[in-house]
Protein backbone atom coordinates (compact mmCIF):
# COMPACT_ATOMS: atom_id res chain seq x y z
CA MET A 1 15.73 15.05 8.85
CA ASP A 2 17.29 11.52 8.34
CA ASP A 3 18.78 11.42 11.75
CA VAL A 4 15.07 12.07 13.11
CA ILE A 5 13.46 9.23 10.94
CA GLN A 6 16.12 6.83 12.27
CA THR A 7 15.91 8.06 15.73
CA TYR A 8 12.14 7.21 15.26
CA LYS A 9 12.89 3.82 14.00
CA GLU A 10 15.05 2.65 17.15
CA ASN A 11 12.33 4.04 19.42
CA LEU A 12 9.58 1.75 17.49
CA LYS A 13 12.40 -1.25 17.84
CA GLU A 14 12.70 -0.40 21.88
CA ILE A 15 8.83 -0.54 22.41
CA HIS A 16 8.76 -3.95 20.48
CA ARG A 17 11.26 -5.41 22.55
CA ILE A 18 9.99 -3.98 25.72
CA LYS A 19 6.84 -5.47 24.72
CA ASP A 20 8.38 -9.23 24.01
CA GLU A 21 10.00 -8.72 27.45
CA ILE A 22 6.48 -8.31 29.25
CA LYS A 23 4.71 -10.94 27.11
CA THR A 24 7.62 -13.58 28.26
CA MET A 25 7.14 -12.73 31.95
CA LEU A 26 3.32 -12.65 31.91
CA PHE A 27 3.55 -15.95 29.67
CA LEU A 28 1.48 -14.30 26.89
CA GLU A 29 1.30 -15.07 23.20
CA ASP A 30 -0.57 -12.13 22.06
CA ASP A 31 0.58 -8.94 20.23
CA LEU A 32 -0.37 -6.50 22.82
CA GLU A 33 -1.52 -4.15 20.75
CA CYS A 34 -2.86 -1.99 23.88
CA LEU A 35 0.76 -1.07 24.75
CA ASP A 36 0.66 0.94 21.22
CA ASN A 37 -1.56 3.24 22.83
CA PHE A 38 -0.40 5.81 25.10
CA LEU A 39 -3.76 6.21 27.53
CA SER A 40 -3.65 2.12 27.63
CA VAL A 41 -0.21 2.39 29.13
CA CYS A 42 -1.14 5.01 31.55
CA CYS A 43 -4.20 3.01 32.74
CA VAL A 44 -2.16 -0.49 33.31
CA ILE A 45 0.56 1.48 35.45
CA THR A 46 -1.84 3.23 37.30
CA SER A 47 -4.10 0.23 37.87
CA LEU A 48 -0.81 -1.74 39.37
CA ASN A 49 0.54 0.99 41.56
CA GLU A 50 -2.57 1.68 43.25
CA GLY A 51 -4.00 -1.73 43.05
CA ARG A 52 -7.52 -0.79 42.11
CA LYS A 53 -9.19 -1.03 38.25
CA VAL A 54 -9.24 2.29 36.61
CA GLU A 55 -13.01 3.09 35.40
CA ASP A 56 -13.95 3.27 31.86
CA ILE A 57 -11.11 0.83 30.80
CA GLU A 58 -13.69 -0.28 28.46
CA GLU A 59 -13.79 2.72 26.61
CA LEU A 60 -9.96 2.20 25.76
CA PRO A 61 -8.86 -0.03 22.62
CA HIS A 62 -8.14 -3.28 23.38
CA ALA A 63 -9.80 -3.35 26.46
CA MET A 64 -9.54 -7.16 27.12
CA GLU A 65 -5.69 -7.25 26.85
CA ILE A 66 -5.85 -4.24 29.36
CA GLU A 67 -7.67 -6.18 31.92
CA MET A 68 -5.36 -9.37 31.61
CA ILE A 69 -2.17 -7.47 31.96
CA ILE A 70 -3.63 -5.74 35.08
CA THR A 71 -4.94 -9.27 36.83
CA ILE A 72 -1.70 -11.38 35.40
CA GLY A 73 0.35 -8.33 36.91
CA ARG A 74 -1.10 -7.89 40.30
CA SER A 75 -0.87 -11.94 40.63
CA LEU A 76 3.13 -11.31 40.34
CA ALA A 77 5.59 -11.08 43.52
CA SER A 78 6.38 -7.99 44.88
CA GLU A 79 9.89 -7.55 42.65
CA GLU A 80 7.84 -8.95 39.28
CA ARG A 81 5.46 -6.43 39.64
CA LYS A 82 7.77 -3.34 40.10
CA ASP A 83 10.11 -4.78 36.90
CA LEU A 84 6.62 -4.95 35.13
CA ILE A 85 5.71 -1.33 35.83
CA SER A 86 9.36 -0.26 35.35
CA LYS A 87 8.92 -1.53 31.91
CA LEU A 88 5.64 0.12 31.12
CA GLU A 89 7.55 3.36 32.43
CA LYS A 90 9.99 2.93 29.63
CA ILE A 91 7.25 2.22 26.95
CA LYS A 92 5.33 5.19 28.44
CA ALA A 93 8.56 7.45 27.82
CA THR A 94 9.37 6.10 24.54
CA THR A 95 5.64 6.51 23.17
CA VAL A 96 5.80 10.19 24.11
CA GLU A 97 9.13 10.61 21.54
CA VAL A 98 7.25 8.65 19.22
CA ASP A 99 4.32 10.94 19.20
CA LYS A 100 6.46 14.06 19.30
CA THR A 101 8.54 12.67 16.05
CA LYS A 102 5.28 11.95 14.16
CA ASN A 103 4.07 15.57 14.75
CA ILE A 104 7.38 16.84 13.17
CA PHE A 105 6.83 14.34 10.50
CA ARG A 106 2.99 15.42 9.65
CA THR A 107 4.42 19.32 9.44
CA ARG A 108 7.64 18.56 7.61
CA PHE A 109 6.27 16.04 4.96
CA ARG A 110 3.36 17.62 3.99
CA TYR A 111 2.81 16.35 0.91
CA LEU A 112 3.82 13.02 1.36
CA GLN A 113 1.34 13.41 4.25
CA SER A 114 -1.37 14.68 2.02
CA LEU A 115 -0.98 11.88 -0.34
CA LEU A 116 -0.83 8.99 1.89
CA GLY A 117 -2.43 9.56 5.29
CA ASP A 118 -0.32 9.70 8.82
CA GLU A 119 -0.20 5.82 9.10
CA LEU A 120 0.99 5.09 5.48
CA LEU A 121 3.65 7.99 5.64
CA PHE A 122 4.98 6.74 9.19
CA LYS A 123 5.15 3.06 7.84
CA LEU A 124 6.84 4.23 4.59
CA LEU A 125 9.55 6.33 6.57
CA VAL A 126 10.32 3.13 8.16
CA GLU A 127 10.62 1.07 5.21
CA THR A 128 13.13 3.98 3.36
CA GLY A 129 14.96 5.25 6.44
CA SER A 130 16.05 8.16 4.51
CA LEU A 131 13.75 11.01 2.82
CA PHE A 132 16.86 11.37 0.61
CA LEU A 133 16.56 7.86 -0.56
CA LEU A 134 12.87 8.35 -1.10
CA THR A 135 13.58 11.02 -3.88
CA LYS A 136 16.12 9.26 -5.58
CA ALA A 137 13.61 6.20 -5.96
CA ILE A 138 11.97 5.32 -9.19
CA PRO A 139 8.45 4.28 -9.04
CA SER A 140 9.51 0.67 -9.65
CA GLU A 141 11.66 0.84 -6.88
CA VAL A 142 8.75 2.51 -4.52
CA MET A 143 6.51 -0.05 -5.52
CA LYS A 144 9.19 -3.05 -3.88
CA TYR A 145 8.74 -1.12 -0.46
CA GLY A 146 7.15 -3.21 1.77
CA ILE A 147 7.27 -6.55 0.30
CA ASN A 148 10.16 -7.98 2.81
CA THR A 149 7.99 -6.79 5.41
CA TYR A 150 4.47 -6.86 4.53
CA GLY A 151 4.11 -9.73 1.90
CA SER A 152 3.00 -7.28 -0.48
CA PRO A 153 3.65 -3.59 -1.56
CA LEU A 154 3.47 -1.16 1.17
CA LEU A 155 1.70 1.18 -1.04
CA SER A 156 -1.23 -1.20 -1.99
CA GLN A 157 -2.55 -0.54 1.74
CA HIS A 158 -3.65 3.09 0.39
CA PRO A 159 -7.61 3.38 1.17
CA LEU A 160 -8.12 4.31 -2.41
CA VAL A 161 -6.06 1.16 -4.03
CA THR A 162 -7.88 -1.19 -1.52
CA LYS A 163 -11.28 -0.07 -2.60
CA ALA A 164 -10.59 0.16 -6.53
CA SER A 165 -11.88 -2.59 -8.57
CA PRO A 166 -9.51 -5.85 -9.13
CA LYS A 167 -8.75 -4.45 -12.81
CA ASN A 168 -7.56 -0.94 -11.52
CA GLN A 169 -5.51 -1.96 -8.48
CA GLU A 170 -2.19 -2.22 -10.18
CA LYS A 171 -2.91 0.88 -12.32
CA LEU A 172 -3.83 2.91 -9.43
CA LEU A 173 -0.80 1.64 -7.36
CA ARG A 174 1.37 2.65 -10.42
CA LYS A 175 0.12 6.13 -10.20
CA LEU A 176 0.46 6.48 -6.70
CA CYS A 177 3.97 5.37 -6.85
CA CYS A 178 4.51 8.17 -9.44
CA LYS A 179 3.01 10.78 -7.23
CA VAL A 180 5.00 9.62 -4.13
CA THR A 181 8.23 10.25 -5.89
CA ILE A 182 7.17 13.89 -6.75
CA ALA A 183 5.55 14.53 -3.34
CA ALA A 184 9.00 13.46 -1.77
CA LYS A 185 11.23 15.98 -4.05
CA LEU A 186 8.72 18.67 -3.20
CA ASP A 187 8.92 17.75 0.67
CA PHE A 188 12.81 17.31 0.35
CA CYS A 189 13.19 20.71 -1.01
CA GLU A 190 10.61 22.29 1.53
CA SER A 191 8.62 23.67 -1.32
CA ASN A 192 5.21 25.98 -1.03
CA PHE A 193 3.34 25.06 -4.16
CA GLU A 194 -0.15 24.38 -3.52
CA ILE A 195 -0.93 21.30 -4.74
CA ASP A 196 -3.52 18.70 -3.16
CA PHE A 197 -2.07 15.05 -4.11
CA SER A 198 -4.99 13.49 -2.12
CA GLU A 199 -7.68 15.46 -4.58
CA GLN A 200 -5.65 14.35 -7.83
CA MET A 201 -5.49 10.73 -6.46
CA GLU A 202 -9.51 10.79 -6.18
CA ARG A 203 -10.04 12.10 -9.22
CA ILE A 204 -7.36 9.59 -10.94
CA PHE A 205 -9.33 6.92 -8.99
CA ASN A 206 -12.88 8.04 -10.22
CA ASN A 207 -11.62 8.26 -13.84
CA LEU A 208 -10.73 4.50 -13.79
CA GLU A 209 -13.65 3.20 -12.25
CA ASN A 210 -16.11 5.32 -14.51
CA ASN A 211 -14.09 3.92 -17.41
CA THR A 212 -14.51 0.13 -15.95
CA LYS A 213 -18.38 0.85 -15.47
CA GLN A 214 -18.63 2.36 -19.23
CA GLU A 215 -16.77 -0.70 -20.85
CA GLY A 216 -19.01 -3.08 -18.68
CA SER A 217 -22.17 -1.36 -19.87
CA ILE A 218 -24.60 -3.44 -21.81
CA LEU A 219 -24.84 -0.45 -24.21
CA LYS A 220 -21.09 -1.13 -25.38
CA VAL A 221 -21.36 -4.73 -25.66
CA PRO A 222 -22.61 -5.61 -29.18
CA LEU A 223 -25.70 -8.29 -28.95
CA ALA A 224 -24.46 -9.87 -32.27
CA ARG A 225 -21.14 -10.25 -34.11
CA LYS A 226 -21.13 -9.75 -37.73
CA GLU A 227 -20.49 -13.60 -39.44
CA THR A 228 -16.80 -13.08 -41.19
CA ARG A 229 -16.48 -15.32 -44.20
CA ARG A 230 -12.90 -16.18 -44.93
CA GLY A 231 -10.94 -17.84 -47.74
CA GLY A 232 -8.57 -16.90 -50.37
CA ILE A 233 -9.08 -14.67 -53.61
CA LYS A 234 -10.42 -17.41 -55.56
CA ALA A 235 -13.26 -18.33 -53.02
CA ARG A 236 -14.31 -14.80 -52.50
CA ARG A 237 -14.53 -14.40 -56.59
CA LYS A 238 -16.66 -17.48 -56.64
CA ARG A 239 -18.84 -16.19 -53.81
CA SER A 240 -19.50 -13.02 -55.74
CA GLY A 241 -20.01 -15.10 -59.18
CA SER A 242 -17.23 -12.83 -61.05
CA LEU A 243 -14.72 -15.52 -61.92
CA PRO A 244 -12.39 -14.42 -64.28
CA GLN A 245 -12.26 -16.13 -67.90
CA LYS A 246 -9.36 -18.71 -68.10
CA LYS A 247 -6.36 -17.48 -69.70
CA ARG A 248 -5.50 -18.75 -73.18
CA ARG A 249 -2.31 -20.80 -73.35
CA PHE A 250 0.43 -19.51 -75.60
CA LEU A 251 2.83 -22.03 -76.90
CA LYS A 252 6.38 -20.96 -77.55
CA LEU A 253 7.62 -21.95 -80.80
CA ASP A 254 11.50 -22.65 -81.55
CA PRO A 255 12.98 -20.88 -84.65
CA ASN A 256 12.12 -23.84 -86.63
CA GLY A 257 8.57 -23.72 -86.20
CA ASP A 258 8.26 -26.62 -83.79
CA ASP A 259 6.03 -26.42 -80.71
CA GLU A 260 8.34 -26.97 -77.65
CA SER A 261 5.87 -27.84 -75.14
């Protein structure tokens, strides 16, 4: 399975490389996110090949990017346009392989998929590059995944973590990292336990948020604080009016009867 993950990473890099070449060819600075969508790529190829505008472009994601690529692509010389279409065909073929691999991940990593959802699962596999390494990781190591790539822990992108109040986000993130280590081990062993990690995280989220609301309730906050007097034992006795009698001073006499004081 680690070989499948590595192939998936290589295919993503290949798509990214070809996208950069297309951006350079068309003198564009946009990310061209439309080329991450299979239907959008097919739409651009069809328009460039047939020289006509495909209907319902507006319904596709990133429709403006699609129209921009088509418009600039048509203005290219014949050889350059063929080169552009060839690059788009490579993206199309590689995207098919990527989608097949994603379906494998959904089935093979069912515990992690239940816990993280599709997109976060795919990103985590790219970061780790190995399910075996993920099973050996401790929660504090899992929390570090994605910091170099995204500037913050990857798992902080989880919908429940982003939805949690600021006070509970770190607590929920730690809980999530613990769950990930457990889910990874179950997926590695191909276990068949009926465990709904998504439901467990929902329950943890609700408990944390409810506790926060109760702590902030006006009924839990005292309206006034009892005045506390401070002082030593003499001050307390003086306030209570129970000062002890002054101790008598006993003189120590020497054997000759003289007072040594």
